[in-house]
Amino acid sequence: MMLQLNFYAPVNGRIHGDKEIFWLAFAISGDENYIFNGYRAAAVGTITPQLERAKPDGTGHESNEICSPHPGHVSSDDDALVWFNSGFLYCGQNDVVDFENEFSHKSRLKHISNLEDFKTFYQSPLRIESAIIPPMDLDIQAVNVDDEPSKGWFMDKRYCNSYMWCAYDKIGGRTKDGKYNRLEGKVINFDDKAQELFTYYGDVWVGLE
């Protein structure tokens, strides 16, 4: 059934990718013995060091950030990584990336000091240490005066050929009218064993193993 739905225009014209077909195939076949994951989508990768995203006054944010070209899902049963998109290279758009232009922005990946290292980083395996599940979806905004994020997701089109998603575990804070609109999501830090396995898979994927 999944195979047939993938070639059926009224279905595949209304979805992005194949994930919806997984459960639709069960439902159309009359088997509704499935459940949906309790977590929303996550950004997968490494948490941005606070020194790389300090507030204008030099202090750190209460929120955590992961900027990654790899959205994914984490199991609400045991916080295990279930899947993520876009292959295992840090940036899957390398054949069309303008490296010199992207490196010149210098607002992310600040630990990379030169253009060649920037290229190498993009072309290397994604290193997965953590995941961030933002508190709300793209339509919710929590404007605040604390320089904290106002939205859980932000697409930074300056990086990875316009496919860099930044996710935040906290949005909002104090507002101009004295209210407090903080909303919180979830940070998941994978244990050493999981990280080692992710590293091995990534190295195999890009041919380092």
N, C-alpha and C. Protein backbone atom coordinates (compact mmCIF):
# COMPACT_ATOMS: atom_id res chain seq x y z
N MET A 1 0.82 -1.21 0.00
CA MET A 1 0.00 0.00 0.00
C MET A 1 0.86 1.27 0.00
N MET A 2 1.94 1.25 0.80
CA MET A 2 2.83 2.41 0.83
C MET A 2 3.39 2.70 -0.55
N LEU A 3 3.79 1.65 -1.26
CA LEU A 3 4.36 1.82 -2.59
C LEU A 3 3.35 2.47 -3.53
N GLN A 4 2.11 2.01 -3.48
CA GLN A 4 1.08 2.56 -4.36
C GLN A 4 0.80 4.03 -4.04
N LEU A 5 0.70 4.36 -2.76
CA LEU A 5 0.40 5.73 -2.36
C LEU A 5 1.49 6.70 -2.81
N ASN A 6 2.71 6.21 -2.84
CA ASN A 6 3.83 7.08 -3.22
C ASN A 6 3.71 7.57 -4.67
N PHE A 7 2.97 6.83 -5.50
CA PHE A 7 2.80 7.21 -6.91
C PHE A 7 1.40 7.75 -7.21
N TYR A 8 0.63 8.01 -6.15
CA TYR A 8 -0.75 8.47 -6.31
C TYR A 8 -0.78 9.97 -6.06
N ALA A 9 -0.95 10.75 -7.14
CA ALA A 9 -0.79 12.21 -7.07
C ALA A 9 -1.66 12.89 -6.02
N PRO A 10 -2.94 12.50 -5.82
CA PRO A 10 -3.73 13.18 -4.79
C PRO A 10 -3.14 13.03 -3.38
N VAL A 11 -2.30 12.00 -3.19
CA VAL A 11 -1.65 11.82 -1.89
C VAL A 11 -0.28 12.48 -1.87
N ASN A 12 0.61 12.09 -2.79
CA ASN A 12 1.98 12.61 -2.72
C ASN A 12 2.06 14.10 -3.04
N GLY A 13 1.02 14.66 -3.65
CA GLY A 13 0.99 16.09 -3.90
C GLY A 13 0.67 16.91 -2.67
N ARG A 14 0.26 16.23 -1.59
CA ARG A 14 -0.14 16.92 -0.37
C ARG A 14 0.80 16.65 0.81
N ILE A 15 1.89 15.98 0.55
CA ILE A 15 2.83 15.66 1.62
C ILE A 15 4.24 16.06 1.19
N HIS A 16 5.14 16.13 2.15
CA HIS A 16 6.54 16.42 1.86
C HIS A 16 7.37 15.25 2.37
N GLY A 17 7.93 14.48 1.45
CA GLY A 17 8.63 13.27 1.87
C GLY A 17 7.65 12.12 1.98
N ASP A 18 8.07 11.08 2.66
CA ASP A 18 7.26 9.86 2.71
C ASP A 18 6.73 9.52 4.10
N LYS A 19 6.99 10.36 5.10
CA LYS A 19 6.65 9.98 6.47
C LYS A 19 5.15 9.79 6.68
N GLU A 20 4.33 10.65 6.05
CA GLU A 20 2.88 10.53 6.24
C GLU A 20 2.34 9.23 5.66
N ILE A 21 3.04 8.72 4.64
CA ILE A 21 2.56 7.50 4.00
C ILE A 21 2.66 6.31 4.95
N PHE A 22 3.58 6.37 5.91
CA PHE A 22 3.75 5.25 6.83
C PHE A 22 2.43 4.92 7.52
N TRP A 23 1.81 5.95 8.12
CA TRP A 23 0.57 5.68 8.86
C TRP A 23 -0.65 5.64 7.95
N LEU A 24 -0.63 6.41 6.86
CA LEU A 24 -1.76 6.38 5.94
C LEU A 24 -1.95 4.99 5.34
N ALA A 25 -0.85 4.32 5.05
CA ALA A 25 -0.94 2.97 4.48
C ALA A 25 -1.62 2.01 5.44
N PHE A 26 -1.27 2.12 6.73
CA PHE A 26 -1.94 1.29 7.72
C PHE A 26 -3.43 1.60 7.77
N ALA A 27 -3.76 2.90 7.84
CA ALA A 27 -5.16 3.30 7.99
C ALA A 27 -6.00 2.87 6.79
N ILE A 28 -5.48 3.09 5.59
CA ILE A 28 -6.22 2.74 4.38
C ILE A 28 -6.39 1.22 4.27
N SER A 29 -5.44 0.48 4.82
CA SER A 29 -5.52 -0.99 4.81
C SER A 29 -6.44 -1.52 5.90
N GLY A 30 -6.96 -0.63 6.72
CA GLY A 30 -7.87 -1.04 7.78
C GLY A 30 -7.19 -1.40 9.08
N ASP A 31 -5.88 -1.17 9.19
CA ASP A 31 -5.14 -1.48 10.41
C ASP A 31 -4.81 -0.17 11.12
N GLU A 32 -5.52 0.12 12.19
CA GLU A 32 -5.27 1.35 12.95
C GLU A 32 -4.65 1.05 14.31
N ASN A 33 -3.91 -0.03 14.37
CA ASN A 33 -3.21 -0.40 15.60
C ASN A 33 -1.83 0.25 15.63
N TYR A 34 -1.81 1.58 15.65
CA TYR A 34 -0.56 2.34 15.71
C TYR A 34 -0.80 3.59 16.55
N ILE A 35 0.28 4.18 17.02
CA ILE A 35 0.19 5.43 17.78
C ILE A 35 1.20 6.42 17.22
N PHE A 36 0.95 7.69 17.46
CA PHE A 36 1.88 8.73 17.04
C PHE A 36 2.86 9.05 18.15
N ASN A 37 4.06 9.40 17.76
CA ASN A 37 5.08 9.79 18.73
C ASN A 37 4.62 11.02 19.50
N GLY A 38 4.96 11.07 20.79
CA GLY A 38 4.51 12.17 21.64
C GLY A 38 5.32 13.45 21.50
N TYR A 39 6.46 13.40 20.83
CA TYR A 39 7.30 14.58 20.65
C TYR A 39 7.11 15.19 19.27
N ARG A 40 7.26 16.50 19.22
CA ARG A 40 7.31 17.19 17.93
C ARG A 40 8.71 17.04 17.33
N ALA A 41 8.91 17.62 16.17
CA ALA A 41 10.21 17.53 15.49
C ALA A 41 11.30 18.20 16.31
N ALA A 42 12.53 17.74 16.11
CA ALA A 42 13.70 18.26 16.83
C ALA A 42 14.77 18.68 15.83
N ALA A 43 15.68 19.53 16.30
CA ALA A 43 16.93 19.77 15.57
C ALA A 43 17.99 18.89 16.21
N VAL A 44 18.81 18.25 15.39
CA VAL A 44 19.78 17.27 15.86
C VAL A 44 21.19 17.74 15.54
N GLY A 45 22.08 17.67 16.52
CA GLY A 45 23.47 18.07 16.29
C GLY A 45 24.17 18.39 17.59
N THR A 46 24.81 19.55 17.66
CA THR A 46 25.51 19.99 18.87
C THR A 46 24.95 21.34 19.31
N ILE A 47 24.87 21.53 20.61
CA ILE A 47 24.36 22.79 21.16
C ILE A 47 25.38 23.90 20.93
N THR A 48 24.90 25.03 20.46
CA THR A 48 25.76 26.19 20.22
C THR A 48 26.35 26.68 21.54
N PRO A 49 27.67 26.82 21.65
CA PRO A 49 28.26 27.36 22.88
C PRO A 49 27.72 28.76 23.17
N GLN A 50 27.45 29.04 24.45
CA GLN A 50 26.89 30.34 24.80
C GLN A 50 27.80 31.48 24.37
N LEU A 51 29.11 31.26 24.36
CA LEU A 51 30.03 32.32 23.95
C LEU A 51 29.83 32.71 22.49
N GLU A 52 29.26 31.80 21.69
CA GLU A 52 29.05 32.10 20.28
C GLU A 52 27.73 32.82 20.03
N ARG A 53 26.88 32.91 21.05
CA ARG A 53 25.59 33.59 20.86
C ARG A 53 25.24 34.45 22.07
N ALA A 54 26.24 35.16 22.58
CA ALA A 54 26.02 36.02 23.75
C ALA A 54 25.06 37.16 23.40
N LYS A 55 24.37 37.65 24.41
CA LYS A 55 23.50 38.81 24.25
C LYS A 55 24.34 40.05 23.99
N PRO A 56 23.72 41.14 23.54
CA PRO A 56 24.48 42.38 23.30
C PRO A 56 25.27 42.87 24.50
N ASP A 57 24.79 42.56 25.72
CA ASP A 57 25.52 43.00 26.92
C ASP A 57 26.58 42.00 27.35
N GLY A 58 26.77 40.95 26.56
CA GLY A 58 27.81 39.97 26.85
C GLY A 58 27.39 38.80 27.71
N THR A 59 26.19 38.84 28.26
CA THR A 59 25.71 37.74 29.09
C THR A 59 25.14 36.62 28.23
N GLY A 60 24.98 35.45 28.84
CA GLY A 60 24.46 34.31 28.11
C GLY A 60 22.95 34.26 28.09
N HIS A 61 22.42 33.49 27.18
CA HIS A 61 20.98 33.28 27.10
C HIS A 61 20.54 32.17 28.05
N GLU A 62 19.30 32.22 28.48
CA GLU A 62 18.72 31.10 29.22
C GLU A 62 18.38 29.96 28.27
N SER A 63 18.08 30.29 27.05
CA SER A 63 17.73 29.28 26.05
C SER A 63 18.97 28.59 25.51
N ASN A 64 18.77 27.38 25.04
CA ASN A 64 19.80 26.64 24.32
C ASN A 64 19.42 26.61 22.84
N GLU A 65 20.43 26.47 21.99
CA GLU A 65 20.23 26.51 20.55
C GLU A 65 20.99 25.37 19.87
N ILE A 66 20.34 24.73 18.92
CA ILE A 66 21.03 23.86 17.97
C ILE A 66 20.68 24.36 16.58
N CYS A 67 21.70 24.69 15.80
CA CYS A 67 21.51 25.05 14.39
C CYS A 67 22.04 23.89 13.56
N SER A 68 21.16 23.33 12.76
CA SER A 68 21.51 22.10 12.05
C SER A 68 20.71 21.98 10.77
N PRO A 69 21.30 21.47 9.71
CA PRO A 69 20.53 21.15 8.51
C PRO A 69 19.78 19.82 8.64
N HIS A 70 19.67 19.31 9.86
CA HIS A 70 19.12 17.97 10.07
C HIS A 70 17.99 17.97 11.09
N PRO A 71 16.75 18.22 10.65
CA PRO A 71 15.62 17.98 11.56
C PRO A 71 15.42 16.49 11.75
N GLY A 72 14.89 16.11 12.90
CA GLY A 72 14.70 14.70 13.16
C GLY A 72 13.63 14.47 14.20
N HIS A 73 13.50 13.24 14.63
CA HIS A 73 12.53 12.89 15.66
C HIS A 73 13.19 12.04 16.74
N VAL A 74 12.77 12.28 17.96
CA VAL A 74 13.23 11.55 19.13
C VAL A 74 12.04 10.81 19.72
N SER A 75 12.23 9.58 20.15
CA SER A 75 11.15 8.78 20.70
C SER A 75 10.69 9.33 22.05
N SER A 76 9.39 9.50 22.20
CA SER A 76 8.85 9.94 23.48
C SER A 76 8.80 8.80 24.49
N ASP A 77 9.12 7.58 24.06
CA ASP A 77 9.16 6.45 24.99
C ASP A 77 10.44 6.43 25.81
N ASP A 78 11.60 6.69 25.13
CA ASP A 78 12.87 6.54 25.83
C ASP A 78 13.92 7.59 25.44
N ASP A 79 13.49 8.65 24.77
CA ASP A 79 14.39 9.74 24.35
C ASP A 79 15.50 9.27 23.40
N ALA A 80 15.27 8.18 22.69
CA ALA A 80 16.24 7.69 21.71
C ALA A 80 16.00 8.39 20.37
N LEU A 81 17.06 8.60 19.62
CA LEU A 81 16.94 9.18 18.29
C LEU A 81 16.32 8.15 17.35
N VAL A 82 15.24 8.52 16.70
CA VAL A 82 14.53 7.61 15.81
C VAL A 82 15.00 7.77 14.37
N TRP A 83 15.05 8.99 13.89
CA TRP A 83 15.54 9.26 12.53
C TRP A 83 15.87 10.73 12.39
N PHE A 84 16.62 11.06 11.34
CA PHE A 84 16.81 12.46 10.98
C PHE A 84 16.95 12.57 9.47
N ASN A 85 16.70 13.75 8.96
CA ASN A 85 16.70 13.99 7.52
C ASN A 85 18.06 14.41 6.98
N SER A 86 18.19 14.36 5.67
CA SER A 86 19.26 15.02 4.92
C SER A 86 20.61 14.32 4.98
N GLY A 87 20.60 13.01 5.13
CA GLY A 87 21.85 12.28 5.08
C GLY A 87 22.72 12.50 6.29
N PHE A 88 24.03 12.15 6.17
CA PHE A 88 24.92 12.23 7.34
C PHE A 88 26.03 13.27 7.17
N LEU A 89 26.16 13.88 6.00
CA LEU A 89 27.08 15.00 5.89
C LEU A 89 26.51 16.17 6.68
N TYR A 90 27.40 16.99 7.26
CA TYR A 90 26.89 18.15 8.00
C TYR A 90 25.95 18.95 7.12
N CYS A 91 26.37 19.25 5.89
CA CYS A 91 25.52 19.96 4.93
C CYS A 91 25.36 19.10 3.69
N GLY A 92 24.15 18.77 3.36
CA GLY A 92 23.90 17.94 2.20
C GLY A 92 23.75 18.71 0.90
N GLN A 93 24.05 20.00 0.94
CA GLN A 93 23.90 20.85 -0.24
C GLN A 93 25.25 21.30 -0.81
N ASN A 94 26.30 20.58 -0.49
CA ASN A 94 27.65 21.06 -0.80
C ASN A 94 27.92 21.32 -2.27
N ASP A 95 27.22 20.63 -3.15
CA ASP A 95 27.46 20.83 -4.57
C ASP A 95 26.97 22.18 -5.07
N VAL A 96 26.13 22.86 -4.28
CA VAL A 96 25.61 24.17 -4.70
C VAL A 96 25.90 25.27 -3.69
N VAL A 97 26.64 24.96 -2.63
CA VAL A 97 26.95 25.96 -1.61
C VAL A 97 27.99 26.96 -2.12
N ASP A 98 27.76 28.23 -1.85
CA ASP A 98 28.76 29.27 -2.10
C ASP A 98 29.57 29.41 -0.80
N PHE A 99 30.63 28.63 -0.67
CA PHE A 99 31.37 28.56 0.58
C PHE A 99 31.93 29.91 1.00
N GLU A 100 32.49 30.63 0.08
CA GLU A 100 33.10 31.92 0.42
C GLU A 100 32.06 32.89 0.98
N ASN A 101 30.90 32.92 0.36
CA ASN A 101 29.84 33.81 0.83
C ASN A 101 29.33 33.39 2.20
N GLU A 102 29.09 32.10 2.39
CA GLU A 102 28.55 31.63 3.66
C GLU A 102 29.56 31.83 4.79
N PHE A 103 30.81 31.59 4.53
CA PHE A 103 31.83 31.77 5.57
C PHE A 103 31.95 33.24 5.96
N SER A 104 31.70 34.14 5.01
CA SER A 104 31.88 35.57 5.27
C SER A 104 30.90 36.12 6.28
N HIS A 105 29.78 35.45 6.51
CA HIS A 105 28.78 35.96 7.46
C HIS A 105 29.32 35.95 8.89
N LYS A 106 30.02 34.89 9.25
CA LYS A 106 30.69 34.78 10.55
C LYS A 106 29.75 35.00 11.74
N SER A 107 28.50 34.64 11.58
CA SER A 107 27.57 34.75 12.70
C SER A 107 27.23 33.39 13.31
N ARG A 108 27.59 32.31 12.61
CA ARG A 108 27.44 30.96 13.15
C ARG A 108 28.73 30.18 12.87
N LEU A 109 28.88 29.07 13.57
CA LEU A 109 30.10 28.26 13.42
C LEU A 109 31.35 29.12 13.62
N LYS A 110 31.30 29.93 14.66
CA LYS A 110 32.37 30.90 14.89
C LYS A 110 33.69 30.25 15.30
N HIS A 111 33.64 28.97 15.69
CA HIS A 111 34.87 28.28 16.06
C HIS A 111 35.72 27.94 14.84
N ILE A 112 35.16 28.10 13.64
CA ILE A 112 35.90 27.80 12.41
C ILE A 112 36.57 29.08 11.93
N SER A 113 37.90 29.04 11.81
CA SER A 113 38.66 30.27 11.62
C SER A 113 39.03 30.59 10.17
N ASN A 114 38.92 29.62 9.26
CA ASN A 114 39.31 29.91 7.88
C ASN A 114 38.40 29.16 6.89
N LEU A 115 38.46 29.58 5.65
CA LEU A 115 37.55 29.07 4.63
C LEU A 115 37.73 27.59 4.38
N GLU A 116 38.97 27.11 4.34
CA GLU A 116 39.20 25.69 4.06
C GLU A 116 38.63 24.81 5.17
N ASP A 117 38.79 25.24 6.41
CA ASP A 117 38.22 24.48 7.53
C ASP A 117 36.69 24.51 7.47
N PHE A 118 36.15 25.63 7.02
CA PHE A 118 34.70 25.75 6.86
C PHE A 118 34.19 24.73 5.84
N LYS A 119 34.87 24.63 4.70
CA LYS A 119 34.50 23.65 3.68
C LYS A 119 34.59 22.23 4.24
N THR A 120 35.69 21.96 4.94
CA THR A 120 35.89 20.62 5.50
C THR A 120 34.79 20.27 6.48
N PHE A 121 34.39 21.23 7.30
CA PHE A 121 33.33 21.00 8.28
C PHE A 121 32.02 20.65 7.58
N TYR A 122 31.66 21.39 6.56
CA TYR A 122 30.43 21.13 5.81
C TYR A 122 30.46 19.73 5.19
N GLN A 123 31.63 19.30 4.75
CA GLN A 123 31.75 18.04 4.02
C GLN A 123 32.06 16.85 4.93
N SER A 124 32.06 17.08 6.22
CA SER A 124 32.33 16.03 7.20
C SER A 124 31.03 15.49 7.78
N PRO A 125 31.08 14.33 8.46
CA PRO A 125 29.86 13.78 9.04
C PRO A 125 29.29 14.69 10.13
N LEU A 126 27.98 14.73 10.21
CA LEU A 126 27.30 15.40 11.31
C LEU A 126 27.68 14.73 12.62
N ARG A 127 28.03 15.50 13.62
CA ARG A 127 28.30 14.95 14.95
C ARG A 127 27.09 15.22 15.84
N ILE A 128 26.53 14.16 16.35
CA ILE A 128 25.28 14.26 17.10
C ILE A 128 25.55 14.07 18.58
N GLU A 129 25.34 15.11 19.34
CA GLU A 129 25.46 15.07 20.79
C GLU A 129 24.11 15.27 21.48
N SER A 130 23.27 16.09 20.87
CA SER A 130 22.02 16.50 21.52
C SER A 130 20.92 16.71 20.50
N ALA A 131 19.73 16.88 21.03
CA ALA A 131 18.57 17.27 20.21
C ALA A 131 17.78 18.30 20.99
N ILE A 132 17.19 19.23 20.29
CA ILE A 132 16.31 20.22 20.92
C ILE A 132 14.94 20.12 20.26
N ILE A 133 13.92 19.95 21.11
CA ILE A 133 12.53 19.95 20.66
C ILE A 133 11.94 21.29 21.10
N PRO A 134 11.69 22.21 20.17
CA PRO A 134 11.17 23.52 20.55
C PRO A 134 9.78 23.42 21.19
N PRO A 135 9.40 24.45 21.95
CA PRO A 135 8.14 24.38 22.69
C PRO A 135 6.89 24.49 21.84
N MET A 136 6.96 25.23 20.73
CA MET A 136 5.76 25.43 19.94
C MET A 136 6.12 25.42 18.46
N ASP A 137 5.10 25.57 17.62
CA ASP A 137 5.36 25.48 16.18
C ASP A 137 5.65 26.85 15.58
N LEU A 138 5.73 26.90 14.27
CA LEU A 138 6.17 28.11 13.57
C LEU A 138 5.20 29.27 13.70
N ASP A 139 3.95 29.01 14.05
CA ASP A 139 2.95 30.07 14.06
C ASP A 139 2.85 30.79 15.40
N ILE A 140 3.58 30.32 16.41
CA ILE A 140 3.52 30.94 17.73
C ILE A 140 4.73 31.84 17.92
N GLN A 141 4.49 33.07 18.39
CA GLN A 141 5.59 33.99 18.67
C GLN A 141 5.49 34.47 20.11
N ALA A 142 6.64 34.61 20.75
CA ALA A 142 6.70 35.07 22.14
C ALA A 142 7.70 36.23 22.20
N VAL A 143 7.31 37.37 21.67
CA VAL A 143 8.18 38.54 21.63
C VAL A 143 8.50 38.97 23.06
N ASN A 144 9.77 39.30 23.32
CA ASN A 144 10.18 39.62 24.68
C ASN A 144 11.31 40.65 24.65
N VAL A 145 11.63 41.18 25.83
CA VAL A 145 12.68 42.20 25.94
C VAL A 145 13.97 41.62 26.51
N ASP A 146 14.05 40.32 26.65
CA ASP A 146 15.22 39.67 27.24
C ASP A 146 16.20 39.15 26.20
N ASP A 147 15.97 39.47 24.94
CA ASP A 147 16.81 38.99 23.84
C ASP A 147 16.81 37.46 23.75
N GLU A 148 15.72 36.85 24.21
CA GLU A 148 15.54 35.41 24.03
C GLU A 148 14.77 35.18 22.73
N PRO A 149 14.87 34.00 22.16
CA PRO A 149 14.14 33.73 20.92
C PRO A 149 12.64 33.95 21.10
N SER A 150 12.00 34.41 20.05
CA SER A 150 10.55 34.59 20.08
C SER A 150 9.82 33.45 19.39
N LYS A 151 10.56 32.62 18.66
CA LYS A 151 9.98 31.48 17.97
C LYS A 151 10.86 30.25 18.20
N GLY A 152 10.22 29.09 18.22
CA GLY A 152 10.97 27.86 18.48
C GLY A 152 11.88 27.44 17.35
N TRP A 153 11.50 27.79 16.13
CA TRP A 153 12.28 27.45 14.95
C TRP A 153 12.65 28.71 14.17
N PHE A 154 13.86 28.74 13.65
CA PHE A 154 14.30 29.84 12.80
C PHE A 154 15.14 29.26 11.68
N MET A 155 14.77 29.53 10.43
CA MET A 155 15.57 29.07 9.30
C MET A 155 16.56 30.17 8.93
N ASP A 156 17.84 29.86 9.08
CA ASP A 156 18.89 30.81 8.72
C ASP A 156 19.32 30.52 7.28
N LYS A 157 18.79 31.26 6.35
CA LYS A 157 19.01 30.99 4.93
C LYS A 157 20.41 31.35 4.46
N ARG A 158 21.22 31.90 5.34
CA ARG A 158 22.59 32.25 4.96
C ARG A 158 23.50 31.04 4.93
N TYR A 159 23.03 29.91 5.49
CA TYR A 159 23.91 28.75 5.64
C TYR A 159 23.34 27.51 4.97
N CYS A 160 24.25 26.64 4.54
CA CYS A 160 23.90 25.36 3.90
C CYS A 160 22.88 25.55 2.78
N ASN A 161 23.15 26.56 1.94
CA ASN A 161 22.29 26.83 0.79
C ASN A 161 20.82 26.97 1.20
N SER A 162 20.59 27.74 2.26
CA SER A 162 19.24 28.06 2.76
C SER A 162 18.56 26.87 3.44
N TYR A 163 19.35 25.94 3.97
CA TYR A 163 18.74 24.82 4.69
C TYR A 163 19.42 24.63 6.04
N MET A 164 19.36 25.67 6.87
CA MET A 164 19.90 25.60 8.22
C MET A 164 18.78 25.96 9.20
N TRP A 165 18.35 24.97 9.97
CA TRP A 165 17.28 25.19 10.94
C TRP A 165 17.88 25.35 12.34
N CYS A 166 17.52 26.44 13.00
CA CYS A 166 17.93 26.66 14.39
C CYS A 166 16.72 26.42 15.29
N ALA A 167 16.92 25.59 16.31
CA ALA A 167 15.85 25.27 17.25
C ALA A 167 16.24 25.73 18.64
N TYR A 168 15.24 26.14 19.42
CA TYR A 168 15.47 26.68 20.76
C TYR A 168 14.58 25.96 21.77
N ASP A 169 15.15 25.65 22.93
CA ASP A 169 14.37 24.93 23.94
C ASP A 169 13.51 25.87 24.78
N LYS A 170 13.81 27.15 24.76
CA LYS A 170 13.01 28.14 25.49
C LYS A 170 12.76 29.32 24.56
N ILE A 171 11.52 29.82 24.58
CA ILE A 171 11.21 31.05 23.86
C ILE A 171 10.48 31.99 24.81
N GLY A 172 10.59 33.28 24.53
CA GLY A 172 9.88 34.26 25.35
C GLY A 172 10.62 34.64 26.61
N GLY A 173 10.01 35.53 27.36
CA GLY A 173 10.57 36.06 28.60
C GLY A 173 9.73 37.23 29.05
N ARG A 174 10.36 38.26 29.58
CA ARG A 174 9.63 39.45 30.01
C ARG A 174 9.16 40.24 28.78
N THR A 175 7.97 40.79 28.86
CA THR A 175 7.42 41.57 27.76
C THR A 175 7.40 43.05 28.13
N LYS A 176 7.17 43.90 27.13
CA LYS A 176 7.15 45.34 27.36
C LYS A 176 6.07 45.77 28.34
N ASP A 177 4.99 45.03 28.39
CA ASP A 177 3.89 45.40 29.30
C ASP A 177 3.99 44.70 30.65
N GLY A 178 5.15 44.16 30.97
CA GLY A 178 5.38 43.59 32.29
C GLY A 178 4.93 42.16 32.47
N LYS A 179 4.52 41.50 31.42
CA LYS A 179 4.10 40.11 31.52
C LYS A 179 5.28 39.19 31.27
N TYR A 180 5.02 37.90 31.35
CA TYR A 180 6.07 36.89 31.17
C TYR A 180 5.50 35.79 30.29
N ASN A 181 6.04 35.64 29.09
CA ASN A 181 5.45 34.71 28.12
C ASN A 181 6.35 33.52 27.79
N ARG A 182 7.18 33.13 28.74
CA ARG A 182 8.11 32.02 28.53
C ARG A 182 7.39 30.71 28.24
N LEU A 183 7.86 30.01 27.23
CA LEU A 183 7.41 28.67 26.91
C LEU A 183 8.65 27.79 26.78
N GLU A 184 8.56 26.54 27.24
CA GLU A 184 9.73 25.68 27.25
C GLU A 184 9.48 24.38 26.49
N GLY A 185 10.51 23.96 25.78
CA GLY A 185 10.50 22.68 25.09
C GLY A 185 11.37 21.68 25.85
N LYS A 186 12.27 21.02 25.13
CA LYS A 186 13.05 19.96 25.77
C LYS A 186 14.42 19.85 25.11
N VAL A 187 15.44 19.69 25.95
CA VAL A 187 16.79 19.37 25.49
C VAL A 187 17.07 17.91 25.81
N ILE A 188 17.56 17.17 24.86
CA ILE A 188 17.93 15.77 25.08
C ILE A 188 19.41 15.63 24.77
N ASN A 189 20.17 15.20 25.76
CA ASN A 189 21.61 14.96 25.59
C ASN A 189 21.84 13.46 25.52
N PHE A 190 22.32 12.99 24.40
CA PHE A 190 22.53 11.56 24.21
C PHE A 190 23.75 11.09 24.99
N ASP A 191 23.69 9.87 25.51
CA ASP A 191 24.80 9.37 26.32
C ASP A 191 26.00 9.01 25.43
N ASP A 192 27.12 8.71 26.07
CA ASP A 192 28.37 8.46 25.33
C ASP A 192 28.23 7.30 24.36
N LYS A 193 27.55 6.24 24.78
CA LYS A 193 27.40 5.08 23.91
C LYS A 193 26.64 5.44 22.64
N ALA A 194 25.57 6.21 22.79
CA ALA A 194 24.78 6.62 21.63
C ALA A 194 25.61 7.52 20.72
N GLN A 195 26.35 8.45 21.31
CA GLN A 195 27.17 9.35 20.50
C GLN A 195 28.24 8.59 19.71
N GLU A 196 28.84 7.60 20.35
CA GLU A 196 29.85 6.80 19.66
C GLU A 196 29.24 6.03 18.49
N LEU A 197 28.02 5.55 18.68
CA LEU A 197 27.33 4.83 17.61
C LEU A 197 27.00 5.78 16.46
N PHE A 198 26.51 6.98 16.79
CA PHE A 198 26.22 7.96 15.75
C PHE A 198 27.48 8.31 14.96
N THR A 199 28.58 8.47 15.68
CA THR A 199 29.85 8.81 15.02
C THR A 199 30.27 7.69 14.07
N TYR A 200 30.13 6.45 14.51
CA TYR A 200 30.48 5.31 13.66
C TYR A 200 29.61 5.29 12.40
N TYR A 201 28.30 5.44 12.59
CA TYR A 201 27.40 5.45 11.44
C TYR A 201 27.76 6.57 10.46
N GLY A 202 28.06 7.75 11.01
CA GLY A 202 28.41 8.88 10.15
C GLY A 202 29.68 8.63 9.37
N ASP A 203 30.67 8.05 10.02
CA ASP A 203 31.93 7.75 9.34
C ASP A 203 31.74 6.72 8.24
N VAL A 204 30.90 5.73 8.50
CA VAL A 204 30.60 4.73 7.47
C VAL A 204 29.88 5.38 6.29
N TRP A 205 28.94 6.25 6.60
CA TRP A 205 28.12 6.90 5.57
C TRP A 205 28.99 7.68 4.58
N VAL A 206 29.99 8.40 5.10
CA VAL A 206 30.80 9.25 4.22
C VAL A 206 32.09 8.56 3.77
N GLY A 207 32.27 7.29 4.17
CA GLY A 207 33.41 6.53 3.68
C GLY A 207 34.67 6.65 4.49
N LEU A 208 34.55 7.07 5.76
CA LEU A 208 35.73 7.16 6.62
C LEU A 208 36.02 5.85 7.34
N GLU A 209 35.08 4.92 7.31
CA GLU A 209 35.27 3.61 7.93
C GLU A 209 35.30 2.54 6.84
